[in-house]
Amino acid sequence: MAQPKPRMGRIEYLNVLPIYHALETGRVPHGYELVYGQPSALNAMMQNGELAVASTSSVEYARRPEKYWILPDLAIGSYGTVLSVLLVSRCPVADLDGKTVLVSTATHTSVTLLKLLLKDHARVSVKFETGNTAEYLTMPDKPGAPAAMLVIGDEALRSRNHPVYSHMWDLGEEWLAWTGLPFTFGLWVVSRDAAKRQGLAEDPAHVLHAGRDWSYANMDTLLAAAQERYPYSREALIEYFHCLSYKLGDLEQQGLRLFYDRLAAAGEIPKAPDLAFWPGI
């Protein structure tokens, strides 16, 4: 009887298309079952050992580093503008003191980053509530609408130039202004437990690097595929992909370690974890 394929998590956002398109279309052969979900859902599946490999939030690794290995030289982040992680507000951020900011349960890293930036960078104190950001983007005059909202992924891309939530704060830009370093929103990690139970016949780092490198070498094909699936112009897609980094080099690791240090200082995690990298097969 054939062994089931090890399962690999794939965030349902445009930003990871350059990693997975070649895997999804067979241009990079692989032996994984791709599992799709929101970042928080994939985090939960990784916690429970339901996935062998996944793109997961930087905060998920920080909270449970003993469960994971980080795949080397693979991440999703930005050196400044990211476009898809935004605080959209009815007023300038400096005027948000005492007001309500709505955040989604779909993201962990972006929420903790926003808390740090508002408190220690912008020096404003807000009230955070969890709820449906999409509802208020479409009905901004609905009673109870917040002063500002954190929007991520494709929702953030659609929220640019919103007529009511017209003040935009790009969290990648603000982190760079605060620290001078790039920010890493997500990592690709291997579940130590699931890797033992499911077995990994193929090195996931090699598979995912091959997917990324194929996209770099075939950007016109990738852009055409993105236009078939998403309602954005070629120019908008080029701008977006240009903002994103899929590397985890020395500078990205410096930024990630600083983020973890500041999370620990803020009491969001017990201590800043070491970066434990996948040893390979």
C-alpha atoms as a PDB file:
ATOM      1  CA  MET A   1       0.000   0.000   0.000  1.00  0.00           C
ATOM      2  CA  ALA A   2       1.357   3.398  -0.987  1.00  0.00           C
ATOM      3  CA  GLN A   3       2.400   5.702   1.807  1.00  0.00           C
ATOM      4  CA  PRO A   4       0.421   8.968   2.032  1.00  0.00           C
ATOM      5  CA  LYS A   5       2.301  12.006   0.828  1.00  0.00           C
ATOM      6  CA  PRO A   6       3.724  14.347   3.473  1.00  0.00           C
ATOM      7  CA  ARG A   7       1.590  17.476   3.721  1.00  0.00           C
ATOM      8  CA  MET A   8       2.858  20.972   2.924  1.00  0.00           C
ATOM      9  CA  GLY A   9       0.916  24.091   3.959  1.00  0.00           C
ATOM     10  CA  ARG A  10       0.322  26.854   1.426  1.00  0.00           C
ATOM     11  CA  ILE A  11      -1.061  30.270   2.488  1.00  0.00           C
ATOM     12  CA  GLU A  12      -3.992  31.340   0.312  1.00  0.00           C
ATOM     13  CA  TYR A  13      -2.450  34.685  -0.622  1.00  0.00           C
ATOM     14  CA  LEU A  14      -0.934  36.130  -3.759  1.00  0.00           C
ATOM     15  CA  ASN A  15       2.335  36.830  -1.952  1.00  0.00           C
ATOM     16  CA  VAL A  16       3.413  33.157  -1.968  1.00  0.00           C
ATOM     17  CA  LEU A  17       2.523  32.477  -5.606  1.00  0.00           C
ATOM     18  CA  PRO A  18       6.189  32.893  -6.653  1.00  0.00           C
ATOM     19  CA  ILE A  19       7.089  29.986  -4.353  1.00  0.00           C
ATOM     20  CA  TYR A  20       4.270  27.600  -5.190  1.00  0.00           C
ATOM     21  CA  HIS A  21       3.235  28.238  -8.807  1.00  0.00           C
ATOM     22  CA  ALA A  22       5.879  25.924 -10.251  1.00  0.00           C
ATOM     23  CA  LEU A  23       4.921  23.241  -7.706  1.00  0.00           C
ATOM     24  CA  GLU A  24       1.210  23.603  -8.457  1.00  0.00           C
ATOM     25  CA  THR A  25       1.666  23.370 -12.209  1.00  0.00           C
ATOM     26  CA  GLY A  26       4.137  20.480 -12.250  1.00  0.00           C
ATOM     27  CA  ARG A  27       7.053  22.561 -13.499  1.00  0.00           C
ATOM     28  CA  VAL A  28       8.873  21.558 -10.308  1.00  0.00           C
ATOM     29  CA  PRO A  29       7.979  17.910  -9.555  1.00  0.00           C
ATOM     30  CA  HIS A  30       7.553  17.048  -5.893  1.00  0.00           C
ATOM     31  CA  GLY A  31       6.042  14.435  -3.625  1.00  0.00           C
ATOM     32  CA  TYR A  32       4.029  16.674  -1.275  1.00  0.00           C
ATOM     33  CA  GLU A  33       0.298  17.161  -0.817  1.00  0.00           C
ATOM     34  CA  LEU A  34      -0.396  20.909  -0.795  1.00  0.00           C
ATOM     35  CA  VAL A  35      -2.822  22.068   1.901  1.00  0.00           C
ATOM     36  CA  TYR A  36      -4.344  25.548   1.578  1.00  0.00           C
ATOM     37  CA  GLY A  37      -5.409  27.894   4.381  1.00  0.00           C
ATOM     38  CA  GLN A  38      -5.211  31.235   6.153  1.00  0.00           C
ATOM     39  CA  PRO A  39      -1.972  31.913   8.095  1.00  0.00           C
ATOM     40  CA  SER A  40      -3.585  31.320  11.491  1.00  0.00           C
ATOM     41  CA  ALA A  41      -5.157  28.042  10.291  1.00  0.00           C
ATOM     42  CA  LEU A  42      -1.829  26.746   9.022  1.00  0.00           C
ATOM     43  CA  ASN A  43      -0.199  27.805  12.300  1.00  0.00           C
ATOM     44  CA  ALA A  44      -2.734  25.676  14.200  1.00  0.00           C
ATOM     45  CA  MET A  45      -2.157  22.699  11.898  1.00  0.00           C
ATOM     46  CA  MET A  46       1.588  22.988  12.377  1.00  0.00           C
ATOM     47  CA  GLN A  47       1.149  23.166  16.160  1.00  0.00           C
ATOM     48  CA  ASN A  48      -0.855  19.933  16.027  1.00  0.00           C
ATOM     49  CA  GLY A  49       1.600  18.110  13.779  1.00  0.00           C
ATOM     50  CA  GLU A  50      -0.907  17.900  10.918  1.00  0.00           C
ATOM     51  CA  LEU A  51       1.547  19.348   8.411  1.00  0.00           C
ATOM     52  CA  ALA A  52       5.140  18.350   7.803  1.00  0.00           C
ATOM     53  CA  VAL A  53       6.143  21.670   6.208  1.00  0.00           C
ATOM     54  CA  ALA A  54       4.453  25.052   5.916  1.00  0.00           C
ATOM     55  CA  SER A  55       4.881  28.737   5.496  1.00  0.00           C
ATOM     56  CA  THR A  56       4.048  29.976   8.965  1.00  0.00           C
ATOM     57  CA  SER A  57       4.097  33.265  10.811  1.00  0.00           C
ATOM     58  CA  SER A  58       7.318  34.499  12.375  1.00  0.00           C
ATOM     59  CA  VAL A  59       5.466  34.730  15.688  1.00  0.00           C
ATOM     60  CA  GLU A  60       4.389  31.084  15.539  1.00  0.00           C
ATOM     61  CA  TYR A  61       8.047  30.049  15.409  1.00  0.00           C
ATOM     62  CA  ALA A  62       8.901  32.427  18.266  1.00  0.00           C
ATOM     63  CA  ARG A  63       6.182  30.965  20.500  1.00  0.00           C
ATOM     64  CA  ARG A  64       7.031  27.303  19.875  1.00  0.00           C
ATOM     65  CA  PRO A  65      10.621  27.093  18.567  1.00  0.00           C
ATOM     66  CA  GLU A  66      11.079  23.609  20.030  1.00  0.00           C
ATOM     67  CA  LYS A  67       8.533  22.283  17.517  1.00  0.00           C
ATOM     68  CA  TYR A  68      10.216  23.496  14.334  1.00  0.00           C
ATOM     69  CA  TRP A  69      13.242  23.776  12.117  1.00  0.00           C
ATOM     70  CA  ILE A  70      13.516  26.856   9.893  1.00  0.00           C
ATOM     71  CA  LEU A  71      14.200  26.163   6.223  1.00  0.00           C
ATOM     72  CA  PRO A  72      17.363  28.058   5.236  1.00  0.00           C
ATOM     73  CA  ASP A  73      17.344  31.093   2.927  1.00  0.00           C
ATOM     74  CA  LEU A  74      13.562  31.124   2.489  1.00  0.00           C
ATOM     75  CA  ALA A  75      11.129  33.611   3.999  1.00  0.00           C
ATOM     76  CA  ILE A  76       8.621  36.247   3.053  1.00  0.00           C
ATOM     77  CA  GLY A  77       9.325  39.813   4.031  1.00  0.00           C
ATOM     78  CA  SER A  78      10.246  43.233   2.773  1.00  0.00           C
ATOM     79  CA  TYR A  79      12.940  45.851   2.981  1.00  0.00           C
ATOM     80  CA  GLY A  80      10.529  48.703   3.542  1.00  0.00           C
ATOM     81  CA  THR A  81       7.226  48.912   1.676  1.00  0.00           C
ATOM     82  CA  VAL A  82       5.275  45.629   1.676  1.00  0.00           C
ATOM     83  CA  LEU A  83       1.850  46.858   0.369  1.00  0.00           C
ATOM     84  CA  SER A  84      -0.063  43.897   1.829  1.00  0.00           C
ATOM     85  CA  VAL A  85       0.214  44.607   5.575  1.00  0.00           C
ATOM     86  CA  LEU A  86      -1.485  47.937   6.228  1.00  0.00           C
ATOM     87  CA  LEU A  87      -3.083  49.899   9.016  1.00  0.00           C
ATOM     88  CA  VAL A  88      -5.902  51.784   7.279  1.00  0.00           C
ATOM     89  CA  SER A  89      -7.364  54.623   9.279  1.00  0.00           C
ATOM     90  CA  ARG A  90      -9.958  57.380   9.191  1.00  0.00           C
ATOM     91  CA  CYS A  91      -7.379  59.803  10.608  1.00  0.00           C
ATOM     92  CA  PRO A  92      -3.597  60.158  10.795  1.00  0.00           C
ATOM     93  CA  VAL A  93      -1.949  57.575  13.051  1.00  0.00           C
ATOM     94  CA  ALA A  94      -0.808  60.331  15.428  1.00  0.00           C
ATOM     95  CA  ASP A  95      -4.494  61.072  16.125  1.00  0.00           C
ATOM     96  CA  LEU A  96      -5.458  57.474  17.011  1.00  0.00           C
ATOM     97  CA  ASP A  97      -4.660  57.840  20.712  1.00  0.00           C
ATOM     98  CA  GLY A  98      -7.510  56.329  22.730  1.00  0.00           C
ATOM     99  CA  LYS A  99      -9.342  55.065  19.650  1.00  0.00           C
ATOM    100  CA  THR A 100     -10.220  51.520  18.554  1.00  0.00           C
ATOM    101  CA  VAL A 101      -8.185  49.474  16.083  1.00  0.00           C
ATOM    102  CA  LEU A 102      -9.815  46.369  14.643  1.00  0.00           C
ATOM    103  CA  VAL A 103      -7.615  43.361  13.849  1.00  0.00           C
ATOM    104  CA  SER A 104      -8.361  40.015  12.251  1.00  0.00           C
ATOM    105  CA  THR A 105      -7.798  36.541  13.674  1.00  0.00           C
ATOM    106  CA  ALA A 106      -6.224  35.566  10.326  1.00  0.00           C
ATOM    107  CA  THR A 107      -2.798  36.933  11.284  1.00  0.00           C
ATOM    108  CA  HIS A 108      -0.483  36.690  14.287  1.00  0.00           C
ATOM    109  CA  THR A 109       2.780  38.324  13.234  1.00  0.00           C
ATOM    110  CA  SER A 110       1.158  41.458  11.818  1.00  0.00           C
ATOM    111  CA  VAL A 111      -0.887  42.031  14.983  1.00  0.00           C
ATOM    112  CA  THR A 112       2.127  41.792  17.279  1.00  0.00           C
ATOM    113  CA  LEU A 113       4.180  43.982  14.944  1.00  0.00           C
ATOM    114  CA  LEU A 114       1.402  46.592  14.890  1.00  0.00           C
ATOM    115  CA  LYS A 115       1.260  46.634  18.692  1.00  0.00           C
ATOM    116  CA  LEU A 116       5.012  47.269  18.895  1.00  0.00           C
ATOM    117  CA  LEU A 117       4.955  49.970  16.228  1.00  0.00           C
ATOM    118  CA  LEU A 118       2.029  51.888  17.692  1.00  0.00           C
ATOM    119  CA  LYS A 119       3.312  51.777  21.262  1.00  0.00           C
ATOM    120  CA  ASP A 120       7.057  52.244  20.793  1.00  0.00           C
ATOM    121  CA  HIS A 121       7.416  53.871  17.369  1.00  0.00           C
ATOM    122  CA  ALA A 122       4.323  56.056  16.916  1.00  0.00           C
ATOM    123  CA  ARG A 123       3.848  56.507  20.692  1.00  0.00           C
ATOM    124  CA  VAL A 124       0.075  56.177  20.620  1.00  0.00           C
ATOM    125  CA  SER A 125      -2.145  54.071  22.892  1.00  0.00           C
ATOM    126  CA  VAL A 126      -5.114  52.366  21.241  1.00  0.00           C
ATOM    127  CA  LYS A 127      -7.762  49.795  22.104  1.00  0.00           C
ATOM    128  CA  PHE A 128      -7.537  46.586  20.097  1.00  0.00           C
ATOM    129  CA  GLU A 129     -10.609  44.599  19.125  1.00  0.00           C
ATOM    130  CA  THR A 130     -10.902  41.461  17.012  1.00  0.00           C
ATOM    131  CA  GLY A 131     -13.496  41.287  14.275  1.00  0.00           C
ATOM    132  CA  ASN A 132     -14.436  41.185  10.617  1.00  0.00           C
ATOM    133  CA  THR A 133     -12.416  43.858   8.841  1.00  0.00           C
ATOM    134  CA  ALA A 134     -13.990  43.088   5.448  1.00  0.00           C
ATOM    135  CA  GLU A 135     -17.414  44.044   6.795  1.00  0.00           C
ATOM    136  CA  TYR A 136     -16.341  47.566   7.705  1.00  0.00           C
ATOM    137  CA  LEU A 137     -14.328  48.069   4.521  1.00  0.00           C
ATOM    138  CA  THR A 138     -17.495  47.511   2.503  1.00  0.00           C
ATOM    139  CA  MET A 139     -19.784  49.307   4.996  1.00  0.00           C
ATOM    140  CA  PRO A 140     -17.605  51.970   6.680  1.00  0.00           C
ATOM    141  CA  ASP A 141     -20.659  53.896   7.951  1.00  0.00           C
ATOM    142  CA  LYS A 142     -22.055  50.898   9.833  1.00  0.00           C
ATOM    143  CA  PRO A 143     -22.572  51.626  13.556  1.00  0.00           C
ATOM    144  CA  GLY A 144     -19.568  50.574  15.609  1.00  0.00           C
ATOM    145  CA  ALA A 145     -17.090  50.993  12.766  1.00  0.00           C
ATOM    146  CA  PRO A 146     -13.560  51.339  14.198  1.00  0.00           C
ATOM    147  CA  ALA A 147     -11.232  54.281  13.737  1.00  0.00           C
ATOM    148  CA  ALA A 148      -8.644  52.056  12.066  1.00  0.00           C
ATOM    149  CA  MET A 149      -8.132  48.482  10.931  1.00  0.00           C
ATOM    150  CA  LEU A 150      -5.241  46.146  10.265  1.00  0.00           C
ATOM    151  CA  VAL A 151      -5.676  44.542   6.852  1.00  0.00           C
ATOM    152  CA  ILE A 152      -3.370  41.948   5.342  1.00  0.00           C
ATOM    153  CA  GLY A 153      -2.829  39.952   2.181  1.00  0.00           C
ATOM    154  CA  ASP A 154      -5.129  40.396  -0.776  1.00  0.00           C
ATOM    155  CA  GLU A 155      -7.568  42.410   1.354  1.00  0.00           C
ATOM    156  CA  ALA A 156      -4.831  44.991   1.958  1.00  0.00           C
ATOM    157  CA  LEU A 157      -4.070  45.227  -1.740  1.00  0.00           C
ATOM    158  CA  ARG A 158      -7.753  45.889  -2.425  1.00  0.00           C
ATOM    159  CA  SER A 159      -7.932  48.516   0.352  1.00  0.00           C
ATOM    160  CA  ARG A 160      -5.492  50.985  -1.134  1.00  0.00           C
ATOM    161  CA  ASN A 161      -7.169  54.315  -1.891  1.00  0.00           C
ATOM    162  CA  HIS A 162     -10.176  53.496   0.306  1.00  0.00           C
ATOM    163  CA  PRO A 163     -12.533  56.509   0.326  1.00  0.00           C
ATOM    164  CA  VAL A 164     -13.130  56.465   4.118  1.00  0.00           C
ATOM    165  CA  TYR A 165     -10.141  54.605   5.567  1.00  0.00           C
ATOM    166  CA  SER A 166      -7.894  56.843   3.510  1.00  0.00           C
ATOM    167  CA  HIS A 167      -4.822  57.076   5.775  1.00  0.00           C
ATOM    168  CA  MET A 168      -2.465  54.161   5.128  1.00  0.00           C
ATOM    169  CA  TRP A 169       0.383  53.010   7.351  1.00  0.00           C
ATOM    170  CA  ASP A 170       2.536  50.348   5.708  1.00  0.00           C
ATOM    171  CA  LEU A 171       3.994  48.179   8.476  1.00  0.00           C
ATOM    172  CA  GLY A 172       7.024  47.192   6.410  1.00  0.00           C
ATOM    173  CA  GLU A 173       7.861  50.857   5.844  1.00  0.00           C
ATOM    174  CA  GLU A 174       7.395  51.716   9.512  1.00  0.00           C
ATOM    175  CA  TRP A 175       9.581  48.851  10.734  1.00  0.00           C
ATOM    176  CA  LEU A 176      12.373  49.992   8.392  1.00  0.00           C
ATOM    177  CA  ALA A 177      11.983  53.598   9.581  1.00  0.00           C
ATOM    178  CA  TRP A 178      12.157  52.416  13.199  1.00  0.00           C
ATOM    179  CA  THR A 179      15.017  49.904  12.948  1.00  0.00           C
ATOM    180  CA  GLY A 180      16.785  50.327   9.604  1.00  0.00           C
ATOM    181  CA  LEU A 181      16.297  46.594   8.960  1.00  0.00           C
ATOM    182  CA  PRO A 182      14.092  44.415   6.758  1.00  0.00           C
ATOM    183  CA  PHE A 183      11.106  42.670   8.309  1.00  0.00           C
ATOM    184  CA  THR A 184      10.318  38.972   7.968  1.00  0.00           C
ATOM    185  CA  PHE A 185       6.588  38.291   8.187  1.00  0.00           C
ATOM    186  CA  GLY A 186       6.706  34.561   7.555  1.00  0.00           C
ATOM    187  CA  LEU A 187       9.067  31.611   7.592  1.00  0.00           C
ATOM    188  CA  TRP A 188       8.984  28.184   6.039  1.00  0.00           C
ATOM    189  CA  VAL A 189       9.404  25.599   8.773  1.00  0.00           C
ATOM    190  CA  VAL A 190       9.496  21.821   9.199  1.00  0.00           C
ATOM    191  CA  SER A 191       7.500  20.234  12.011  1.00  0.00           C
ATOM    192  CA  ARG A 192       9.978  18.109  13.944  1.00  0.00           C
ATOM    193  CA  ASP A 193       7.218  15.745  15.063  1.00  0.00           C
ATOM    194  CA  ALA A 194       5.470  15.377  11.705  1.00  0.00           C
ATOM    195  CA  ALA A 195       8.758  14.932   9.868  1.00  0.00           C
ATOM    196  CA  LYS A 196       9.515  11.923  12.072  1.00  0.00           C
ATOM    197  CA  ARG A 197       6.035  10.412  11.690  1.00  0.00           C
ATOM    198  CA  GLN A 198       5.377  11.138   8.017  1.00  0.00           C
ATOM    199  CA  GLY A 199       8.919  10.879   6.718  1.00  0.00           C
ATOM    200  CA  LEU A 200      10.356  13.242   4.143  1.00  0.00           C
ATOM    201  CA  ALA A 201      11.668  11.551   1.037  1.00  0.00           C
ATOM    202  CA  GLU A 202      12.468  14.904  -0.572  1.00  0.00           C
ATOM    203  CA  ASP A 203      14.240  17.795   1.087  1.00  0.00           C
ATOM    204  CA  PRO A 204      11.565  20.537   1.356  1.00  0.00           C
ATOM    205  CA  ALA A 205      14.214  23.256   1.139  1.00  0.00           C
ATOM    206  CA  HIS A 206      15.331  21.988  -2.262  1.00  0.00           C
ATOM    207  CA  VAL A 207      11.737  21.766  -3.533  1.00  0.00           C
ATOM    208  CA  LEU A 208      10.744  25.260  -2.363  1.00  0.00           C
ATOM    209  CA  HIS A 209      13.991  26.879  -3.482  1.00  0.00           C
ATOM    210  CA  ALA A 210      13.430  25.332  -6.916  1.00  0.00           C
ATOM    211  CA  GLY A 211       9.914  26.814  -7.001  1.00  0.00           C
ATOM    212  CA  ARG A 212      11.196  30.263  -6.086  1.00  0.00           C
ATOM    213  CA  ASP A 213      14.080  30.113  -8.546  1.00  0.00           C
ATOM    214  CA  TRP A 214      11.775  29.000 -11.369  1.00  0.00           C
ATOM    215  CA  SER A 215       9.595  32.065 -10.785  1.00  0.00           C
ATOM    216  CA  TYR A 216      12.601  34.390 -10.783  1.00  0.00           C
ATOM    217  CA  ALA A 217      13.665  32.924 -14.132  1.00  0.00           C
ATOM    218  CA  ASN A 218      10.162  32.936 -15.652  1.00  0.00           C
ATOM    219  CA  MET A 219       8.609  36.148 -14.355  1.00  0.00           C
ATOM    220  CA  ASP A 220       6.530  36.788 -17.485  1.00  0.00           C
ATOM    221  CA  THR A 221       4.840  33.403 -17.133  1.00  0.00           C
ATOM    222  CA  LEU A 222       4.277  33.981 -13.423  1.00  0.00           C
ATOM    223  CA  LEU A 223       2.736  37.406 -14.055  1.00  0.00           C
ATOM    224  CA  ALA A 224       0.389  35.971 -16.678  1.00  0.00           C
ATOM    225  CA  ALA A 225      -0.706  33.240 -14.250  1.00  0.00           C
ATOM    226  CA  ALA A 226      -1.251  35.819 -11.496  1.00  0.00           C
ATOM    227  CA  GLN A 227      -3.411  37.951 -13.810  1.00  0.00           C
ATOM    228  CA  GLU A 228      -5.618  34.930 -14.526  1.00  0.00           C
ATOM    229  CA  ARG A 229      -6.247  34.392 -10.808  1.00  0.00           C
ATOM    230  CA  TYR A 230      -6.209  37.904  -9.337  1.00  0.00           C
ATOM    231  CA  PRO A 231      -7.864  41.207 -10.362  1.00  0.00           C
ATOM    232  CA  TYR A 232      -4.659  43.215 -10.712  1.00  0.00           C
ATOM    233  CA  SER A 233      -2.874  44.756 -13.662  1.00  0.00           C
ATOM    234  CA  ARG A 234       0.523  43.545 -14.775  1.00  0.00           C
ATOM    235  CA  GLU A 235       2.029  46.827 -13.545  1.00  0.00           C
ATOM    236  CA  ALA A 236       0.448  46.435 -10.086  1.00  0.00           C
ATOM    237  CA  LEU A 237       1.722  42.849  -9.818  1.00  0.00           C
ATOM    238  CA  ILE A 238       5.245  43.884 -10.807  1.00  0.00           C
ATOM    239  CA  GLU A 239       5.168  46.614  -8.161  1.00  0.00           C
ATOM    240  CA  TYR A 240       3.939  44.179  -5.508  1.00  0.00           C
ATOM    241  CA  PHE A 241       6.387  41.361  -6.248  1.00  0.00           C
ATOM    242  CA  HIS A 242       9.221  43.900  -6.390  1.00  0.00           C
ATOM    243  CA  CYS A 243       8.411  44.888  -2.787  1.00  0.00           C
ATOM    244  CA  LEU A 244       8.645  41.333  -1.493  1.00  0.00           C
ATOM    245  CA  SER A 245      11.745  39.414  -0.479  1.00  0.00           C
ATOM    246  CA  TYR A 246      11.887  35.627  -0.363  1.00  0.00           C
ATOM    247  CA  LYS A 247      15.354  35.447   1.146  1.00  0.00           C
ATOM    248  CA  LEU A 248      16.559  34.856   4.697  1.00  0.00           C
ATOM    249  CA  GLY A 249      20.091  36.166   4.548  1.00  0.00           C
ATOM    250  CA  ASP A 250      22.208  37.809   7.221  1.00  0.00           C
ATOM    251  CA  LEU A 251      20.341  41.134   7.150  1.00  0.00           C
ATOM    252  CA  GLU A 252      16.925  39.453   7.301  1.00  0.00           C
ATOM    253  CA  GLN A 253      18.107  37.341  10.224  1.00  0.00           C
ATOM    254  CA  GLN A 254      19.263  40.495  12.041  1.00  0.00           C
ATOM    255  CA  GLY A 255      15.822  42.017  11.594  1.00  0.00           C
ATOM    256  CA  LEU A 256      14.117  38.818  12.745  1.00  0.00           C
ATOM    257  CA  ARG A 257      16.275  38.538  15.864  1.00  0.00           C
ATOM    258  CA  LEU A 258      15.565  42.180  16.718  1.00  0.00           C
ATOM    259  CA  PHE A 259      11.829  41.551  16.323  1.00  0.00           C
ATOM    260  CA  TYR A 260      12.077  38.611  18.707  1.00  0.00           C
ATOM    261  CA  ASP A 261      14.098  40.660  21.201  1.00  0.00           C
ATOM    262  CA  ARG A 262      11.415  43.350  21.177  1.00  0.00           C
ATOM    263  CA  LEU A 263       8.607  40.812  21.496  1.00  0.00           C
ATOM    264  CA  ALA A 264      10.334  39.374  24.546  1.00  0.00           C
ATOM    265  CA  ALA A 265      10.844  42.845  26.049  1.00  0.00           C
ATOM    266  CA  ALA A 266       7.131  43.541  25.512  1.00  0.00           C
ATOM    267  CA  GLY A 267       6.127  40.280  27.229  1.00  0.00           C
ATOM    268  CA  GLU A 268       4.660  38.778  24.038  1.00  0.00           C
ATOM    269  CA  ILE A 269       6.991  35.751  24.255  1.00  0.00           C
ATOM    270  CA  PRO A 270       8.971  34.368  27.239  1.00  0.00           C
ATOM    271  CA  LYS A 271      12.338  34.909  25.558  1.00  0.00           C
ATOM    272  CA  ALA A 272      13.814  35.489  22.121  1.00  0.00           C
ATOM    273  CA  PRO A 273      14.429  32.077  20.510  1.00  0.00           C
ATOM    274  CA  ASP A 274      17.516  30.940  18.684  1.00  0.00           C
ATOM    275  CA  LEU A 275      17.104  30.381  14.957  1.00  0.00           C
ATOM    276  CA  ALA A 276      17.321  26.603  14.531  1.00  0.00           C
ATOM    277  CA  PHE A 277      17.783  25.663  10.886  1.00  0.00           C
ATOM    278  CA  TRP A 278      16.709  22.489   9.118  1.00  0.00           C
ATOM    279  CA  PRO A 279      19.689  20.129   8.894  1.00  0.00           C
ATOM    280  CA  GLY A 280      18.530  18.604   5.608  1.00  0.00           C
ATOM    281  CA  ILE A 281      17.980  15.001   4.598  1.00  0.00           C
END
